[in-house]
Amino acid sequence: MTDTTSAAADVSSYSFEKAVAELESIVARLERGDVALDDSIKIYERGEALKKHCENLLTAAEKRIEKIRLDRNGAPQGVGPLDGE
């Protein structure tokens, strides 16, 4: 298993909030510029795994969200998919 695959497996059980918090920490470390090159590459790869995990969680959440449909008078009529009319 490669380091990148291993990093992805490590984050698969993270909540969205935990993954974002760690991703923000990684970005801060990289922006400071005080990390050795080899370490920068490793934490960048971890950041990529966290980013992908967050994107997957957001996509799953979007699929579960429903939009409230209103009738002509503005009264709730029912629900439908978020991106459907």
PDB file of N, CA and C in Angstrom:
ATOM      1  N   MET A   1       0.846  -1.172   0.000  1.00  0.00           N
ATOM      2  CA  MET A   1       0.000   0.000   0.000  1.00  0.00           C
ATOM      3  C   MET A   1       0.893   1.238   0.000  1.00  0.00           C
ATOM      4  N   THR A   2       0.617   2.210  -0.876  1.00  0.00           N
ATOM      5  CA  THR A   2       1.425   3.423  -0.937  1.00  0.00           C
ATOM      6  C   THR A   2       1.064   4.355   0.201  1.00  0.00           C
ATOM      7  N   ASP A   3       1.922   5.358   0.449  1.00  0.00           N
ATOM      8  CA  ASP A   3       1.632   6.328   1.496  1.00  0.00           C
ATOM      9  C   ASP A   3       0.333   7.064   1.227  1.00  0.00           C
ATOM     10  N   THR A   4       0.070   7.420  -0.045  1.00  0.00           N
ATOM     11  CA  THR A   4      -1.146   8.138  -0.391  1.00  0.00           C
ATOM     12  C   THR A   4      -2.367   7.276  -0.134  1.00  0.00           C
ATOM     13  N   THR A   5      -2.317   6.010  -0.532  1.00  0.00           N
ATOM     14  CA  THR A   5      -3.421   5.093  -0.281  1.00  0.00           C
ATOM     15  C   THR A   5      -3.613   4.911   1.213  1.00  0.00           C
ATOM     16  N   SER A   6      -2.531   4.796   1.935  1.00  0.00           N
ATOM     17  CA  SER A   6      -2.580   4.651   3.382  1.00  0.00           C
ATOM     18  C   SER A   6      -3.185   5.891   4.021  1.00  0.00           C
ATOM     19  N   ALA A   7      -2.810   7.076   3.543  1.00  0.00           N
ATOM     20  CA  ALA A   7      -3.361   8.321   4.083  1.00  0.00           C
ATOM     21  C   ALA A   7      -4.860   8.396   3.836  1.00  0.00           C
ATOM     22  N   ALA A   8      -5.302   7.966   2.657  1.00  0.00           N
ATOM     23  CA  ALA A   8      -6.724   7.982   2.339  1.00  0.00           C
ATOM     24  C   ALA A   8      -7.488   7.029   3.244  1.00  0.00           C
ATOM     25  N   ALA A   9      -6.925   5.875   3.505  1.00  0.00           N
ATOM     26  CA  ALA A   9      -7.584   4.908   4.375  1.00  0.00           C
ATOM     27  C   ALA A   9      -7.671   5.442   5.801  1.00  0.00           C
ATOM     28  N   ASP A  10      -6.651   6.164   6.229  1.00  0.00           N
ATOM     29  CA  ASP A  10      -6.641   6.712   7.578  1.00  0.00           C
ATOM     30  C   ASP A  10      -7.748   7.734   7.805  1.00  0.00           C
ATOM     31  N   VAL A  11      -8.161   8.464   6.779  1.00  0.00           N
ATOM     32  CA  VAL A  11      -9.155   9.523   6.945  1.00  0.00           C
ATOM     33  C   VAL A  11     -10.576   9.069   6.629  1.00  0.00           C
ATOM     34  N   SER A  12     -10.754   7.873   6.162  1.00  0.00           N
ATOM     35  CA  SER A  12     -12.080   7.439   5.705  1.00  0.00           C
ATOM     36  C   SER A  12     -13.136   7.425   6.808  1.00  0.00           C
ATOM     37  N   SER A  13     -12.722   7.339   8.056  1.00  0.00           N
ATOM     38  CA  SER A  13     -13.697   7.331   9.147  1.00  0.00           C
ATOM     39  C   SER A  13     -13.865   8.704   9.794  1.00  0.00           C
ATOM     40  N   TYR A  14     -13.145   9.709   9.303  1.00  0.00           N
ATOM     41  CA  TYR A  14     -13.215  11.056   9.883  1.00  0.00           C
ATOM     42  C   TYR A  14     -14.553  11.715   9.581  1.00  0.00           C
ATOM     43  N   SER A  15     -15.043  12.480  10.548  1.00  0.00           N
ATOM     44  CA  SER A  15     -16.197  13.329  10.286  1.00  0.00           C
ATOM     45  C   SER A  15     -15.734  14.480   9.403  1.00  0.00           C
ATOM     46  N   PHE A  16     -16.681  15.171   8.801  1.00  0.00           N
ATOM     47  CA  PHE A  16     -16.342  16.312   7.958  1.00  0.00           C
ATOM     48  C   PHE A  16     -15.576  17.359   8.770  1.00  0.00           C
ATOM     49  N   GLU A  17     -16.064  17.633   9.971  1.00  0.00           N
ATOM     50  CA  GLU A  17     -15.441  18.661  10.805  1.00  0.00           C
ATOM     51  C   GLU A  17     -14.010  18.303  11.184  1.00  0.00           C
ATOM     52  N   LYS A  18     -13.777  17.044  11.514  1.00  0.00           N
ATOM     53  CA  LYS A  18     -12.427  16.612  11.881  1.00  0.00           C
ATOM     54  C   LYS A  18     -11.486  16.697  10.679  1.00  0.00           C
ATOM     55  N   ALA A  19     -11.971  16.290   9.520  1.00  0.00           N
ATOM     56  CA  ALA A  19     -11.145  16.334   8.309  1.00  0.00           C
ATOM     57  C   ALA A  19     -10.804  17.778   7.935  1.00  0.00           C
ATOM     58  N   VAL A  20     -11.782  18.683   8.036  1.00  0.00           N
ATOM     59  CA  VAL A  20     -11.528  20.089   7.704  1.00  0.00           C
ATOM     60  C   VAL A  20     -10.532  20.698   8.690  1.00  0.00           C
ATOM     61  N   ALA A  21     -10.680  20.376   9.968  1.00  0.00           N
ATOM     62  CA  ALA A  21      -9.763  20.917  10.974  1.00  0.00           C
ATOM     63  C   ALA A  21      -8.326  20.480  10.691  1.00  0.00           C
ATOM     64  N   GLU A  22      -8.134  19.212  10.361  1.00  0.00           N
ATOM     65  CA  GLU A  22      -6.787  18.739  10.060  1.00  0.00           C
ATOM     66  C   GLU A  22      -6.275  19.349   8.757  1.00  0.00           C
ATOM     67  N   LEU A  23      -7.147  19.488   7.787  1.00  0.00           N
ATOM     68  CA  LEU A  23      -6.752  20.104   6.515  1.00  0.00           C
ATOM     69  C   LEU A  23      -6.317  21.552   6.738  1.00  0.00           C
ATOM     70  N   GLU A  24      -7.042  22.284   7.564  1.00  0.00           N
ATOM     71  CA  GLU A  24      -6.654  23.671   7.880  1.00  0.00           C
ATOM     72  C   GLU A  24      -5.294  23.715   8.569  1.00  0.00           C
ATOM     73  N   SER A  25      -5.037  22.758   9.434  1.00  0.00           N
ATOM     74  CA  SER A  25      -3.748  22.681  10.121  1.00  0.00           C
ATOM     75  C   SER A  25      -2.617  22.428   9.118  1.00  0.00           C
ATOM     76  N   ILE A  26      -2.862  21.547   8.171  1.00  0.00           N
ATOM     77  CA  ILE A  26      -1.865  21.239   7.140  1.00  0.00           C
ATOM     78  C   ILE A  26      -1.584  22.472   6.291  1.00  0.00           C
ATOM     79  N   VAL A  27      -2.630  23.169   5.887  1.00  0.00           N
ATOM     80  CA  VAL A  27      -2.455  24.376   5.076  1.00  0.00           C
ATOM     81  C   VAL A  27      -1.622  25.401   5.841  1.00  0.00           C
ATOM     82  N   ALA A  28      -1.909  25.582   7.121  1.00  0.00           N
ATOM     83  CA  ALA A  28      -1.160  26.538   7.942  1.00  0.00           C
ATOM     84  C   ALA A  28       0.318  26.155   8.013  1.00  0.00           C
ATOM     85  N   ARG A  29       0.604  24.876   8.202  1.00  0.00           N
ATOM     86  CA  ARG A  29       1.999  24.418   8.259  1.00  0.00           C
ATOM     87  C   ARG A  29       2.719  24.657   6.945  1.00  0.00           C
ATOM     88  N   LEU A  30       2.044  24.348   5.841  1.00  0.00           N
ATOM     89  CA  LEU A  30       2.673  24.550   4.532  1.00  0.00           C
ATOM     90  C   LEU A  30       2.871  26.032   4.235  1.00  0.00           C
ATOM     91  N   GLU A  31       1.930  26.863   4.638  1.00  0.00           N
ATOM     92  CA  GLU A  31       2.051  28.297   4.388  1.00  0.00           C
ATOM     93  C   GLU A  31       3.182  28.919   5.198  1.00  0.00           C
ATOM     94  N   ARG A  32       3.445  28.407   6.395  1.00  0.00           N
ATOM     95  CA  ARG A  32       4.549  28.921   7.209  1.00  0.00           C
ATOM     96  C   ARG A  32       5.887  28.685   6.525  1.00  0.00           C
ATOM     97  N   GLY A  33       5.976  27.570   5.790  1.00  0.00           N
ATOM     98  CA  GLY A  33       7.189  27.283   5.044  1.00  0.00           C
ATOM     99  C   GLY A  33       8.342  26.766   5.884  1.00  0.00           C
ATOM    100  N   ASP A  34       8.073  26.334   7.093  1.00  0.00           N
ATOM    101  CA  ASP A  34       9.151  25.849   7.958  1.00  0.00           C
ATOM    102  C   ASP A  34       9.205  24.330   8.043  1.00  0.00           C
ATOM    103  N   VAL A  35       8.654  23.666   7.029  1.00  0.00           N
ATOM    104  CA  VAL A  35       8.607  22.205   6.988  1.00  0.00           C
ATOM    105  C   VAL A  35       9.610  21.735   5.933  1.00  0.00           C
ATOM    106  N   ALA A  36      10.373  20.719   6.276  1.00  0.00           N
ATOM    107  CA  ALA A  36      11.345  20.156   5.327  1.00  0.00           C
ATOM    108  C   ALA A  36      10.619  19.650   4.082  1.00  0.00           C
ATOM    109  N   LEU A  37      11.319  19.616   2.970  1.00  0.00           N
ATOM    110  CA  LEU A  37      10.723  19.237   1.686  1.00  0.00           C
ATOM    111  C   LEU A  37      10.044  17.870   1.749  1.00  0.00           C
ATOM    112  N   ASP A  38      10.744  16.861   2.265  1.00  0.00           N
ATOM    113  CA  ASP A  38      10.147  15.516   2.340  1.00  0.00           C
ATOM    114  C   ASP A  38       8.878  15.520   3.181  1.00  0.00           C
ATOM    115  N   ASP A  39       8.912  16.224   4.301  1.00  0.00           N
ATOM    116  CA  ASP A  39       7.726  16.309   5.156  1.00  0.00           C
ATOM    117  C   ASP A  39       6.612  17.086   4.465  1.00  0.00           C
ATOM    118  N   SER A  40       6.979  18.125   3.723  1.00  0.00           N
ATOM    119  CA  SER A  40       5.985  18.911   2.986  1.00  0.00           C
ATOM    120  C   SER A  40       5.231  18.032   1.995  1.00  0.00           C
ATOM    121  N   ILE A  41       5.962  17.181   1.313  1.00  0.00           N
ATOM    122  CA  ILE A  41       5.336  16.288   0.333  1.00  0.00           C
ATOM    123  C   ILE A  41       4.380  15.323   1.039  1.00  0.00           C
ATOM    124  N   LYS A  42       4.804  14.771   2.158  1.00  0.00           N
ATOM    125  CA  LYS A  42       3.956  13.822   2.896  1.00  0.00           C
ATOM    126  C   LYS A  42       2.688  14.490   3.410  1.00  0.00           C
ATOM    127  N   ILE A  43       2.832  15.689   4.010  1.00  0.00           N
ATOM    128  CA  ILE A  43       1.621  16.319   4.546  1.00  0.00           C
ATOM    129  C   ILE A  43       0.743  16.872   3.419  1.00  0.00           C
ATOM    130  N   TYR A  44       1.344  17.230   2.287  1.00  0.00           N
ATOM    131  CA  TYR A  44       0.549  17.640   1.137  1.00  0.00           C
ATOM    132  C   TYR A  44      -0.308  16.464   0.653  1.00  0.00           C
ATOM    133  N   GLU A  45       0.282  15.285   0.564  1.00  0.00           N
ATOM    134  CA  GLU A  45      -0.469  14.091   0.148  1.00  0.00           C
ATOM    135  C   GLU A  45      -1.589  13.786   1.140  1.00  0.00           C
ATOM    136  N   ARG A  46      -1.308  13.960   2.412  1.00  0.00           N
ATOM    137  CA  ARG A  46      -2.350  13.756   3.437  1.00  0.00           C
ATOM    138  C   ARG A  46      -3.465  14.781   3.226  1.00  0.00           C
ATOM    139  N   GLY A  47      -3.072  16.012   2.926  1.00  0.00           N
ATOM    140  CA  GLY A  47      -4.062  17.054   2.662  1.00  0.00           C
ATOM    141  C   GLY A  47      -4.938  16.714   1.472  1.00  0.00           C
ATOM    142  N   GLU A  48      -4.344  16.153   0.441  1.00  0.00           N
ATOM    143  CA  GLU A  48      -5.117  15.730  -0.734  1.00  0.00           C
ATOM    144  C   GLU A  48      -6.138  14.659  -0.350  1.00  0.00           C
ATOM    145  N   ALA A  49      -5.735  13.715   0.481  1.00  0.00           N
ATOM    146  CA  ALA A  49      -6.660  12.658   0.931  1.00  0.00           C
ATOM    147  C   ALA A  49      -7.790  13.272   1.752  1.00  0.00           C
ATOM    148  N   LEU A  50      -7.464  14.227   2.614  1.00  0.00           N
ATOM    149  CA  LEU A  50      -8.488  14.893   3.427  1.00  0.00           C
ATOM    150  C   LEU A  50      -9.451  15.682   2.545  1.00  0.00           C
ATOM    151  N   LYS A  51      -8.915  16.384   1.553  1.00  0.00           N
ATOM    152  CA  LYS A  51      -9.742  17.172   0.632  1.00  0.00           C
ATOM    153  C   LYS A  51     -10.716  16.265  -0.120  1.00  0.00           C
ATOM    154  N   LYS A  52     -10.217  15.157  -0.617  1.00  0.00           N
ATOM    155  CA  LYS A  52     -11.071  14.220  -1.350  1.00  0.00           C
ATOM    156  C   LYS A  52     -12.162  13.653  -0.437  1.00  0.00           C
ATOM    157  N   HIS A  53     -11.790  13.325   0.791  1.00  0.00           N
ATOM    158  CA  HIS A  53     -12.764  12.793   1.747  1.00  0.00           C
ATOM    159  C   HIS A  53     -13.855  13.831   2.021  1.00  0.00           C
ATOM    160  N   CYS A  54     -13.458  15.095   2.213  1.00  0.00           N
ATOM    161  CA  CYS A  54     -14.435  16.162   2.449  1.00  0.00           C
ATOM    162  C   CYS A  54     -15.369  16.316   1.248  1.00  0.00           C
ATOM    163  N   GLU A  55     -14.815  16.283   0.050  1.00  0.00           N
ATOM    164  CA  GLU A  55     -15.633  16.396  -1.152  1.00  0.00           C
ATOM    165  C   GLU A  55     -16.644  15.253  -1.239  1.00  0.00           C
ATOM    166  N   ASN A  56     -16.211  14.045  -0.901  1.00  0.00           N
ATOM    167  CA  ASN A  56     -17.122  12.892  -0.921  1.00  0.00           C
ATOM    168  C   ASN A  56     -18.242  13.055   0.095  1.00  0.00           C
ATOM    169  N   LEU A  57     -17.899  13.537   1.299  1.00  0.00           N
ATOM    170  CA  LEU A  57     -18.915  13.752   2.327  1.00  0.00           C
ATOM    171  C   LEU A  57     -19.904  14.833   1.901  1.00  0.00           C
ATOM    172  N   LEU A  58     -19.423  15.902   1.295  1.00  0.00           N
ATOM    173  CA  LEU A  58     -20.315  16.973   0.831  1.00  0.00           C
ATOM    174  C   LEU A  58     -21.235  16.488  -0.277  1.00  0.00           C
ATOM    175  N   THR A  59     -20.703  15.700  -1.195  1.00  0.00           N
ATOM    176  CA  THR A  59     -21.524  15.154  -2.277  1.00  0.00           C
ATOM    177  C   THR A  59     -22.630  14.271  -1.716  1.00  0.00           C
ATOM    178  N   ALA A  60     -22.282  13.435  -0.747  1.00  0.00           N
ATOM    179  CA  ALA A  60     -23.284  12.564  -0.122  1.00  0.00           C
ATOM    180  C   ALA A  60     -24.350  13.391   0.594  1.00  0.00           C
ATOM    181  N   ALA A  61     -23.944  14.455   1.272  1.00  0.00           N
ATOM    182  CA  ALA A  61     -24.903  15.307   1.972  1.00  0.00           C
ATOM    183  C   ALA A  61     -25.825  16.015   0.989  1.00  0.00           C
ATOM    184  N   GLU A  62     -25.278  16.498  -0.117  1.00  0.00           N
ATOM    185  CA  GLU A  62     -26.090  17.171  -1.126  1.00  0.00           C
ATOM    186  C   GLU A  62     -27.162  16.246  -1.693  1.00  0.00           C
ATOM    187  N   LYS A  63     -26.835  14.987  -1.838  1.00  0.00           N
ATOM    188  CA  LYS A  63     -27.800  14.026  -2.377  1.00  0.00           C
ATOM    189  C   LYS A  63     -28.951  13.777  -1.410  1.00  0.00           C
ATOM    190  N   ARG A  64     -28.722  14.020  -0.112  1.00  0.00           N
ATOM    191  CA  ARG A  64     -29.760  13.780   0.892  1.00  0.00           C
ATOM    192  C   ARG A  64     -30.642  15.005   1.137  1.00  0.00           C
ATOM    193  N   ILE A  65     -30.190  16.167   0.713  1.00  0.00           N
ATOM    194  CA  ILE A  65     -30.937  17.400   0.971  1.00  0.00           C
ATOM    195  C   ILE A  65     -32.137  17.471   0.042  1.00  0.00           C
ATOM    196  N   GLU A  66     -33.262  17.874   0.613  1.00  0.00           N
ATOM    197  CA  GLU A  66     -34.464  18.039  -0.175  1.00  0.00           C
ATOM    198  C   GLU A  66     -34.875  19.512  -0.172  1.00  0.00           C
ATOM    199  N   LYS A  67     -35.525  19.909  -1.226  1.00  0.00           N
ATOM    200  CA  LYS A  67     -35.999  21.281  -1.365  1.00  0.00           C
ATOM    201  C   LYS A  67     -37.504  21.285  -1.096  1.00  0.00           C
ATOM    202  N   ILE A  68     -37.947  22.278  -0.327  1.00  0.00           N
ATOM    203  CA  ILE A  68     -39.384  22.424  -0.062  1.00  0.00           C
ATOM    204  C   ILE A  68     -40.019  23.114  -1.262  1.00  0.00           C
ATOM    205  N   ARG A  69     -41.058  22.498  -1.792  1.00  0.00           N
ATOM    206  CA  ARG A  69     -41.789  23.096  -2.914  1.00  0.00           C
ATOM    207  C   ARG A  69     -42.949  23.912  -2.354  1.00  0.00           C
ATOM    208  N   LEU A  70     -43.150  25.079  -2.940  1.00  0.00           N
ATOM    209  CA  LEU A  70     -44.240  25.955  -2.511  1.00  0.00           C
ATOM    210  C   LEU A  70     -45.285  26.052  -3.612  1.00  0.00           C
ATOM    211  N   ASP A  71     -46.554  26.229  -3.197  1.00  0.00           N
ATOM    212  CA  ASP A  71     -47.599  26.451  -4.200  1.00  0.00           C
ATOM    213  C   ASP A  71     -47.618  27.934  -4.578  1.00  0.00           C
ATOM    214  N   ARG A  72     -48.551  28.333  -5.418  1.00  0.00           N
ATOM    215  CA  ARG A  72     -48.598  29.723  -5.905  1.00  0.00           C
ATOM    216  C   ARG A  72     -48.791  30.733  -4.783  1.00  0.00           C
ATOM    217  N   ASN A  73     -49.388  30.312  -3.693  1.00  0.00           N
ATOM    218  CA  ASN A  73     -49.623  31.210  -2.557  1.00  0.00           C
ATOM    219  C   ASN A  73     -48.450  31.227  -1.582  1.00  0.00           C
ATOM    220  N   GLY A  74     -47.426  30.447  -1.852  1.00  0.00           N
ATOM    221  CA  GLY A  74     -46.261  30.411  -0.972  1.00  0.00           C
ATOM    222  C   GLY A  74     -46.373  29.402   0.160  1.00  0.00           C
ATOM    223  N   ALA A  75     -47.415  28.595   0.138  1.00  0.00           N
ATOM    224  CA  ALA A  75     -47.592  27.580   1.176  1.00  0.00           C
ATOM    225  C   ALA A  75     -46.808  26.324   0.807  1.00  0.00           C
ATOM    226  N   PRO A  76     -46.213  25.669   1.782  1.00  0.00           N
ATOM    227  CA  PRO A  76     -45.477  24.426   1.485  1.00  0.00           C
ATOM    228  C   PRO A  76     -46.402  23.409   0.840  1.00  0.00           C
ATOM    229  N   GLN A  77     -45.907  22.794  -0.236  1.00  0.00           N
ATOM    230  CA  GLN A  77     -46.689  21.822  -0.988  1.00  0.00           C
ATOM    231  C   GLN A  77     -46.110  20.419  -0.869  1.00  0.00           C
ATOM    232  N   GLY A  78     -44.848  20.310  -0.569  1.00  0.00           N
ATOM    233  CA  GLY A  78     -44.194  19.018  -0.476  1.00  0.00           C
ATOM    234  C   GLY A  78     -42.686  19.232  -0.628  1.00  0.00           C
ATOM    235  N   VAL A  79     -41.980  18.138  -0.821  1.00  0.00           N
ATOM    236  CA  VAL A  79     -40.529  18.224  -1.000  1.00  0.00           C
ATOM    237  C   VAL A  79     -40.128  17.521  -2.289  1.00  0.00           C
ATOM    238  N   GLY A  80     -38.971  17.919  -2.796  1.00  0.00           N
ATOM    239  CA  GLY A  80     -38.433  17.314  -4.001  1.00  0.00           C
ATOM    240  C   GLY A  80     -36.930  17.367  -3.926  1.00  0.00           C
ATOM    241  N   PRO A  81     -36.242  16.799  -4.898  1.00  0.00           N
ATOM    242  CA  PRO A  81     -34.777  16.834  -4.891  1.00  0.00           C
ATOM    243  C   PRO A  81     -34.275  18.271  -4.982  1.00  0.00           C
ATOM    244  N   LEU A  82     -33.139  18.537  -4.373  1.00  0.00           N
ATOM    245  CA  LEU A  82     -32.580  19.875  -4.337  1.00  0.00           C
ATOM    246  C   LEU A  82     -32.345  20.436  -5.724  1.00  0.00           C
ATOM    247  N   ASP A  83     -31.786  19.619  -6.632  1.00  0.00           N
ATOM    248  CA  ASP A  83     -31.444  20.150  -7.953  1.00  0.00           C
ATOM    249  C   ASP A  83     -32.528  19.926  -9.004  1.00  0.00           C
ATOM    250  N   GLY A  84     -33.651  19.337  -8.643  1.00  0.00           N
ATOM    251  CA  GLY A  84     -34.748  19.126  -9.586  1.00  0.00           C
ATOM    252  C   GLY A  84     -35.809  20.176  -9.411  1.00  0.00           C
ATOM    253  N   GLU A  85     -36.552  20.440 -10.437  1.00  0.00           N
ATOM    254  CA  GLU A  85     -37.620  21.446 -10.357  1.00  0.00           C
ATOM    255  C   GLU A  85     -38.963  20.797 -10.238  1.00  0.00           C
TER     256      GLU A  85
END
